[in-house]
Amino acid sequence: MDLIRRTVAKDCDPAEFDQFVHICKAVKLDPLRRQIYAFVFNKDKPQWRQMTVVTAIGGYRSIAERTGNYRPDEDDAKIEYSDAAKNPQTNPLGIVKAIVYVWKYSHGEWHRAAGSAHWDEYVPLRDGAIDSKKTGWIKMPRIMIAKCAEAAALRKAWPDDFAGLEIEEEVDRRSIDLTATELADEAARDQRVARIGGPGVLVDWCD
């Protein structure tokens, strides 16, 4: 619990942390396996402060699998493109939307549920361009928008199981001070400093 509080739930106050742990137990996802995170928006503004529980797409699939009546679609996500939507800063590929299907077994037969996600509703923009900190949207745009569509399809098929849960790609458009990965990295740096007995000079050779 202490490790969770110091890493993936670092910004939570006691009440938010209790709520986060309760949700983790309810949906049977492990925050230390990066299946579920706690993001706190406007943490320095009490009147606007909000804790949001964010789930990795792998966590979404695990919840669906445990229902016993789920199977993924055989086909890849369907991506719609438009030359008119192309913009080197905000939409280099001209993606309009993604459609993903999942299957649910109910009343003796399989039913297909569709989820769609429009690019302009999810892409995280900053200063008129894709946010450089959200590298997934730059390097893997089709995968990112497809994850949003898959999450929508899963929520449509199992609304109770996914109540109150969003995936990380769906909240990328909001203002996030630190991602869950950055929180974990920051905690790891703190631990290294503690082991050497105090402040030191940390050299990062990456990038």
C-alpha atoms as a PDB file:
ATOM      1  CA  MET A   1       0.000   0.000   0.000  1.00  0.00           C
ATOM      2  CA  ASP A   2       2.834   2.388   0.835  1.00  0.00           C
ATOM      3  CA  LEU A   3       4.527   1.662  -2.498  1.00  0.00           C
ATOM      4  CA  ILE A   4       1.274   2.334  -4.388  1.00  0.00           C
ATOM      5  CA  ARG A   5       0.752   5.576  -2.486  1.00  0.00           C
ATOM      6  CA  ARG A   6       4.312   6.742  -3.224  1.00  0.00           C
ATOM      7  CA  THR A   7       4.190   5.951  -6.957  1.00  0.00           C
ATOM      8  CA  VAL A   8       1.025   5.531  -9.027  1.00  0.00           C
ATOM      9  CA  ALA A   9      -1.171   7.327  -6.440  1.00  0.00           C
ATOM     10  CA  LYS A  10       1.367   9.896  -5.276  1.00  0.00           C
ATOM     11  CA  ASP A  11      -0.895  12.931  -5.664  1.00  0.00           C
ATOM     12  CA  CYS A  12      -3.904  11.448  -3.847  1.00  0.00           C
ATOM     13  CA  ASP A  13      -5.021  12.776  -0.490  1.00  0.00           C
ATOM     14  CA  PRO A  14      -6.118  10.164   2.115  1.00  0.00           C
ATOM     15  CA  ALA A  15      -9.755  10.084   0.988  1.00  0.00           C
ATOM     16  CA  GLU A  16      -8.804   9.851  -2.692  1.00  0.00           C
ATOM     17  CA  PHE A  17      -6.292   7.115  -1.949  1.00  0.00           C
ATOM     18  CA  ASP A  18      -8.909   5.083  -0.065  1.00  0.00           C
ATOM     19  CA  GLN A  19     -11.307   5.518  -2.991  1.00  0.00           C
ATOM     20  CA  PHE A  20      -8.637   4.478  -5.496  1.00  0.00           C
ATOM     21  CA  VAL A  21      -7.743   1.326  -3.549  1.00  0.00           C
ATOM     22  CA  HIS A  22     -11.442   0.460  -3.214  1.00  0.00           C
ATOM     23  CA  ILE A  23     -11.883   0.715  -6.993  1.00  0.00           C
ATOM     24  CA  CYS A  24      -8.742  -1.369  -7.618  1.00  0.00           C
ATOM     25  CA  LYS A  25     -10.158  -4.121  -5.429  1.00  0.00           C
ATOM     26  CA  ALA A  26     -13.622  -3.863  -6.976  1.00  0.00           C
ATOM     27  CA  VAL A  27     -12.362  -4.266 -10.552  1.00  0.00           C
ATOM     28  CA  LYS A  28      -9.502  -6.608  -9.518  1.00  0.00           C
ATOM     29  CA  LEU A  29      -6.728  -4.645 -11.227  1.00  0.00           C
ATOM     30  CA  ASP A  30      -3.162  -4.235  -9.931  1.00  0.00           C
ATOM     31  CA  PRO A  31      -1.723  -0.689  -9.988  1.00  0.00           C
ATOM     32  CA  LEU A  32       1.821  -2.016  -9.597  1.00  0.00           C
ATOM     33  CA  ARG A  33       1.383  -3.991 -12.826  1.00  0.00           C
ATOM     34  CA  ARG A  34       0.378  -0.746 -14.564  1.00  0.00           C
ATOM     35  CA  GLN A  35      -3.181  -1.936 -15.070  1.00  0.00           C
ATOM     36  CA  ILE A  36      -4.766   1.026 -13.292  1.00  0.00           C
ATOM     37  CA  TYR A  37      -3.656   4.512 -12.179  1.00  0.00           C
ATOM     38  CA  ALA A  38      -4.904   7.508 -10.179  1.00  0.00           C
ATOM     39  CA  PHE A  39      -4.613  10.899 -11.900  1.00  0.00           C
ATOM     40  CA  VAL A  40      -5.340  14.043  -9.889  1.00  0.00           C
ATOM     41  CA  PHE A  41      -6.325  17.065 -11.958  1.00  0.00           C
ATOM     42  CA  ASN A  42      -5.948  20.630 -10.646  1.00  0.00           C
ATOM     43  CA  LYS A  43      -4.178  19.336  -7.569  1.00  0.00           C
ATOM     44  CA  ASP A  44      -3.147  22.867  -6.569  1.00  0.00           C
ATOM     45  CA  LYS A  45      -6.676  24.288  -6.949  1.00  0.00           C
ATOM     46  CA  PRO A  46      -8.956  22.840  -4.235  1.00  0.00           C
ATOM     47  CA  GLN A  47     -12.160  24.125  -5.843  1.00  0.00           C
ATOM     48  CA  TRP A  48     -11.371  22.320  -9.118  1.00  0.00           C
ATOM     49  CA  ARG A  49      -9.470  19.316  -7.760  1.00  0.00           C
ATOM     50  CA  GLN A  50     -10.594  15.970  -9.189  1.00  0.00           C
ATOM     51  CA  MET A  51      -9.199  12.456  -8.894  1.00  0.00           C
ATOM     52  CA  THR A  52      -9.771  10.290 -11.971  1.00  0.00           C
ATOM     53  CA  VAL A  53      -9.187   6.550 -12.062  1.00  0.00           C
ATOM     54  CA  VAL A  54      -7.441   5.645 -15.312  1.00  0.00           C
ATOM     55  CA  THR A  55      -7.106   2.125 -16.659  1.00  0.00           C
ATOM     56  CA  ALA A  56      -4.635   0.745 -19.179  1.00  0.00           C
ATOM     57  CA  ILE A  57      -6.241  -0.896 -22.211  1.00  0.00           C
ATOM     58  CA  GLY A  58      -4.782  -4.191 -20.973  1.00  0.00           C
ATOM     59  CA  GLY A  59      -6.701  -3.732 -17.736  1.00  0.00           C
ATOM     60  CA  TYR A  60      -9.879  -3.115 -19.727  1.00  0.00           C
ATOM     61  CA  ARG A  61      -9.358  -6.362 -21.614  1.00  0.00           C
ATOM     62  CA  SER A  62      -8.695  -8.251 -18.370  1.00  0.00           C
ATOM     63  CA  ILE A  63     -12.010  -7.052 -16.920  1.00  0.00           C
ATOM     64  CA  ALA A  64     -13.846  -8.095 -20.080  1.00  0.00           C
ATOM     65  CA  GLU A  65     -12.129 -11.489 -20.128  1.00  0.00           C
ATOM     66  CA  ARG A  66     -13.235 -12.217 -16.563  1.00  0.00           C
ATOM     67  CA  THR A  67     -16.886 -11.791 -17.524  1.00  0.00           C
ATOM     68  CA  GLY A  68     -16.662 -15.098 -19.391  1.00  0.00           C
ATOM     69  CA  ASN A  69     -18.727 -13.825 -22.318  1.00  0.00           C
ATOM     70  CA  TYR A  70     -16.181 -11.702 -24.190  1.00  0.00           C
ATOM     71  CA  ARG A  71     -14.068 -12.233 -27.260  1.00  0.00           C
ATOM     72  CA  PRO A  72     -12.157  -9.687 -29.331  1.00  0.00           C
ATOM     73  CA  ASP A  73     -12.987  -9.071 -32.956  1.00  0.00           C
ATOM     74  CA  GLU A  74     -10.976 -10.985 -35.551  1.00  0.00           C
ATOM     75  CA  ASP A  75     -10.345  -7.846 -37.631  1.00  0.00           C
ATOM     76  CA  ASP A  76      -8.057  -4.916 -36.931  1.00  0.00           C
ATOM     77  CA  ALA A  77      -9.456  -1.522 -36.072  1.00  0.00           C
ATOM     78  CA  LYS A  78     -11.037   0.272 -39.009  1.00  0.00           C
ATOM     79  CA  ILE A  79      -9.400   3.660 -39.533  1.00  0.00           C
ATOM     80  CA  GLU A  80     -11.085   6.315 -41.663  1.00  0.00           C
ATOM     81  CA  TYR A  81      -8.915   8.919 -43.389  1.00  0.00           C
ATOM     82  CA  SER A  82      -9.558  12.193 -45.198  1.00  0.00           C
ATOM     83  CA  ASP A  83      -7.177  14.382 -47.182  1.00  0.00           C
ATOM     84  CA  ALA A  84      -9.112  17.381 -45.916  1.00  0.00           C
ATOM     85  CA  ALA A  85      -8.279  16.415 -42.318  1.00  0.00           C
ATOM     86  CA  LYS A  86      -4.521  16.273 -42.930  1.00  0.00           C
ATOM     87  CA  ASN A  87      -2.469  18.784 -41.002  1.00  0.00           C
ATOM     88  CA  PRO A  88       1.275  18.363 -40.368  1.00  0.00           C
ATOM     89  CA  GLN A  89       0.914  19.787 -36.850  1.00  0.00           C
ATOM     90  CA  THR A  90      -2.337  18.288 -35.619  1.00  0.00           C
ATOM     91  CA  ASN A  91      -3.126  15.284 -37.851  1.00  0.00           C
ATOM     92  CA  PRO A  92      -0.273  14.186 -40.160  1.00  0.00           C
ATOM     93  CA  LEU A  93      -2.096  11.083 -41.455  1.00  0.00           C
ATOM     94  CA  GLY A  94      -5.489  12.716 -41.896  1.00  0.00           C
ATOM     95  CA  ILE A  95      -7.241  10.331 -39.494  1.00  0.00           C
ATOM     96  CA  VAL A  96     -10.945  11.025 -39.080  1.00  0.00           C
ATOM     97  CA  LYS A  97     -11.946   8.263 -36.683  1.00  0.00           C
ATOM     98  CA  ALA A  98     -11.387   4.660 -35.613  1.00  0.00           C
ATOM     99  CA  ILE A  99     -14.017   1.935 -35.240  1.00  0.00           C
ATOM    100  CA  VAL A 100     -13.421  -1.178 -33.145  1.00  0.00           C
ATOM    101  CA  TYR A 101     -15.772  -4.118 -32.558  1.00  0.00           C
ATOM    102  CA  VAL A 102     -15.957  -6.522 -29.617  1.00  0.00           C
ATOM    103  CA  TRP A 103     -18.193  -9.547 -29.132  1.00  0.00           C
ATOM    104  CA  LYS A 104     -20.443 -10.359 -26.178  1.00  0.00           C
ATOM    105  CA  TYR A 105     -22.255 -13.657 -25.633  1.00  0.00           C
ATOM    106  CA  SER A 106     -25.811 -13.055 -24.442  1.00  0.00           C
ATOM    107  CA  HIS A 107     -29.171 -14.826 -24.742  1.00  0.00           C
ATOM    108  CA  GLY A 108     -27.610 -17.840 -26.428  1.00  0.00           C
ATOM    109  CA  GLU A 109     -25.706 -16.061 -29.191  1.00  0.00           C
ATOM    110  CA  TRP A 110     -22.808 -13.699 -29.889  1.00  0.00           C
ATOM    111  CA  HIS A 111     -23.541 -10.004 -30.419  1.00  0.00           C
ATOM    112  CA  ARG A 112     -21.100  -7.494 -31.875  1.00  0.00           C
ATOM    113  CA  ALA A 113     -20.728  -4.100 -30.188  1.00  0.00           C
ATOM    114  CA  ALA A 114     -19.071  -1.186 -31.982  1.00  0.00           C
ATOM    115  CA  GLY A 115     -17.111   1.683 -30.499  1.00  0.00           C
ATOM    116  CA  SER A 116     -15.888   4.734 -32.390  1.00  0.00           C
ATOM    117  CA  ALA A 117     -13.467   7.531 -31.549  1.00  0.00           C
ATOM    118  CA  HIS A 118     -13.004  10.702 -33.585  1.00  0.00           C
ATOM    119  CA  TRP A 119      -9.458  12.029 -33.883  1.00  0.00           C
ATOM    120  CA  ASP A 120     -10.313  15.663 -33.201  1.00  0.00           C
ATOM    121  CA  GLU A 121     -12.089  14.713 -29.955  1.00  0.00           C
ATOM    122  CA  TYR A 122      -9.141  12.848 -28.417  1.00  0.00           C
ATOM    123  CA  VAL A 123      -5.818  14.086 -29.837  1.00  0.00           C
ATOM    124  CA  PRO A 124      -3.971  16.122 -27.150  1.00  0.00           C
ATOM    125  CA  LEU A 125      -3.049  19.531 -28.559  1.00  0.00           C
ATOM    126  CA  ARG A 126      -0.789  22.193 -27.121  1.00  0.00           C
ATOM    127  CA  ASP A 127      -0.041  25.511 -28.832  1.00  0.00           C
ATOM    128  CA  GLY A 128      -1.657  24.396 -32.073  1.00  0.00           C
ATOM    129  CA  ALA A 129       0.187  21.069 -32.396  1.00  0.00           C
ATOM    130  CA  ILE A 130       0.160  17.571 -30.926  1.00  0.00           C
ATOM    131  CA  ASP A 131       1.563  17.786 -27.402  1.00  0.00           C
ATOM    132  CA  SER A 132       5.218  16.743 -27.668  1.00  0.00           C
ATOM    133  CA  LYS A 133       4.984  15.038 -24.264  1.00  0.00           C
ATOM    134  CA  LYS A 134       2.332  12.648 -25.593  1.00  0.00           C
ATOM    135  CA  THR A 135       4.745  10.801 -27.857  1.00  0.00           C
ATOM    136  CA  GLY A 136       2.356   7.915 -28.510  1.00  0.00           C
ATOM    137  CA  TRP A 137       0.045  10.218 -30.463  1.00  0.00           C
ATOM    138  CA  ILE A 138       2.993  11.258 -32.622  1.00  0.00           C
ATOM    139  CA  LYS A 139       4.663   7.871 -33.148  1.00  0.00           C
ATOM    140  CA  MET A 140       1.625   5.540 -33.072  1.00  0.00           C
ATOM    141  CA  PRO A 141      -1.446   7.636 -33.939  1.00  0.00           C
ATOM    142  CA  ARG A 142      -3.515   4.733 -35.292  1.00  0.00           C
ATOM    143  CA  ILE A 143      -2.908   2.624 -32.187  1.00  0.00           C
ATOM    144  CA  MET A 144      -3.788   5.479 -29.854  1.00  0.00           C
ATOM    145  CA  ILE A 145      -7.115   6.360 -31.488  1.00  0.00           C
ATOM    146  CA  ALA A 146      -7.954   2.645 -31.839  1.00  0.00           C
ATOM    147  CA  LYS A 147      -7.505   2.189 -28.068  1.00  0.00           C
ATOM    148  CA  CYS A 148     -10.062   4.932 -27.459  1.00  0.00           C
ATOM    149  CA  ALA A 149     -12.509   3.232 -29.830  1.00  0.00           C
ATOM    150  CA  GLU A 150     -11.960  -0.174 -28.198  1.00  0.00           C
ATOM    151  CA  ALA A 151     -12.621   1.304 -24.750  1.00  0.00           C
ATOM    152  CA  ALA A 152     -15.875   2.787 -26.030  1.00  0.00           C
ATOM    153  CA  ALA A 153     -16.927  -0.604 -27.438  1.00  0.00           C
ATOM    154  CA  LEU A 154     -16.161  -2.398 -24.173  1.00  0.00           C
ATOM    155  CA  ARG A 155     -18.120   0.161 -22.144  1.00  0.00           C
ATOM    156  CA  LYS A 156     -21.069  -0.199 -24.492  1.00  0.00           C
ATOM    157  CA  ALA A 157     -21.094  -3.993 -24.103  1.00  0.00           C
ATOM    158  CA  TRP A 158     -20.437  -4.083 -20.313  1.00  0.00           C
ATOM    159  CA  PRO A 159     -21.545  -0.732 -18.850  1.00  0.00           C
ATOM    160  CA  ASP A 160     -21.612  -1.922 -15.227  1.00  0.00           C
ATOM    161  CA  ASP A 161     -18.151  -3.512 -15.323  1.00  0.00           C
ATOM    162  CA  PHE A 162     -16.504  -0.374 -16.701  1.00  0.00           C
ATOM    163  CA  ALA A 163     -18.477   2.272 -14.781  1.00  0.00           C
ATOM    164  CA  GLY A 164     -16.208   5.129 -13.723  1.00  0.00           C
ATOM    165  CA  LEU A 165     -13.150   3.869 -15.605  1.00  0.00           C
ATOM    166  CA  GLU A 166     -11.321   5.606 -18.453  1.00  0.00           C
ATOM    167  CA  ILE A 167      -8.182   4.592 -20.308  1.00  0.00           C
ATOM    168  CA  GLU A 168      -5.063   6.764 -20.319  1.00  0.00           C
ATOM    169  CA  GLU A 169      -5.430   7.702 -23.995  1.00  0.00           C
ATOM    170  CA  GLU A 170      -8.890   9.129 -23.295  1.00  0.00           C
ATOM    171  CA  VAL A 171      -7.574  11.576 -20.699  1.00  0.00           C
ATOM    172  CA  ASP A 172      -4.450  12.628 -22.609  1.00  0.00           C
ATOM    173  CA  ARG A 173      -6.311  15.670 -23.892  1.00  0.00           C
ATOM    174  CA  ARG A 174      -6.746  17.002 -20.370  1.00  0.00           C
ATOM    175  CA  SER A 175      -4.055  18.937 -18.552  1.00  0.00           C
ATOM    176  CA  ILE A 176      -1.936  16.393 -16.674  1.00  0.00           C
ATOM    177  CA  ASP A 177       1.036  17.573 -14.647  1.00  0.00           C
ATOM    178  CA  LEU A 178       2.687  14.157 -14.588  1.00  0.00           C
ATOM    179  CA  THR A 179       1.844  10.862 -16.231  1.00  0.00           C
ATOM    180  CA  ALA A 180       1.732   7.680 -14.165  1.00  0.00           C
ATOM    181  CA  THR A 181       5.088   6.654 -15.649  1.00  0.00           C
ATOM    182  CA  GLU A 182       6.652   9.975 -14.683  1.00  0.00           C
ATOM    183  CA  LEU A 183       5.282   9.614 -11.161  1.00  0.00           C
ATOM    184  CA  ALA A 184       6.853   6.176 -10.846  1.00  0.00           C
ATOM    185  CA  ASP A 185      10.171   7.448 -12.258  1.00  0.00           C
ATOM    186  CA  GLU A 186      10.184  10.363  -9.852  1.00  0.00           C
ATOM    187  CA  ALA A 187       9.610   8.016  -6.914  1.00  0.00           C
ATOM    188  CA  ALA A 188      12.464   5.799  -8.101  1.00  0.00           C
ATOM    189  CA  ARG A 189      14.793   8.823  -8.205  1.00  0.00           C
ATOM    190  CA  ASP A 190      13.767   9.723  -4.649  1.00  0.00           C
ATOM    191  CA  GLN A 191      14.623   6.204  -3.512  1.00  0.00           C
ATOM    192  CA  ARG A 192      18.071   6.387  -5.122  1.00  0.00           C
ATOM    193  CA  VAL A 193      18.792   9.686  -3.384  1.00  0.00           C
ATOM    194  CA  ALA A 194      17.703   8.169  -0.062  1.00  0.00           C
ATOM    195  CA  ARG A 195      20.019   5.178  -0.545  1.00  0.00           C
ATOM    196  CA  ILE A 196      23.091   7.366  -1.077  1.00  0.00           C
ATOM    197  CA  GLY A 197      22.313   9.238   2.117  1.00  0.00           C
ATOM    198  CA  GLY A 198      21.134  12.609   0.842  1.00  0.00           C
ATOM    199  CA  PRO A 199      21.104  14.981  -2.113  1.00  0.00           C
ATOM    200  CA  GLY A 200      23.422  14.263  -5.013  1.00  0.00           C
ATOM    201  CA  VAL A 201      23.979  15.086  -8.644  1.00  0.00           C
ATOM    202  CA  LEU A 202      21.816  12.867 -10.886  1.00  0.00           C
ATOM    203  CA  VAL A 203      23.077  12.526 -14.474  1.00  0.00           C
ATOM    204  CA  ASP A 204      20.549  11.368 -17.071  1.00  0.00           C
ATOM    205  CA  TRP A 205      22.241  10.362 -20.353  1.00  0.00           C
ATOM    206  CA  CYS A 206      18.925   9.657 -22.162  1.00  0.00           C
ATOM    207  CA  ASP A 207      17.982  11.937 -25.067  1.00  0.00           C
END
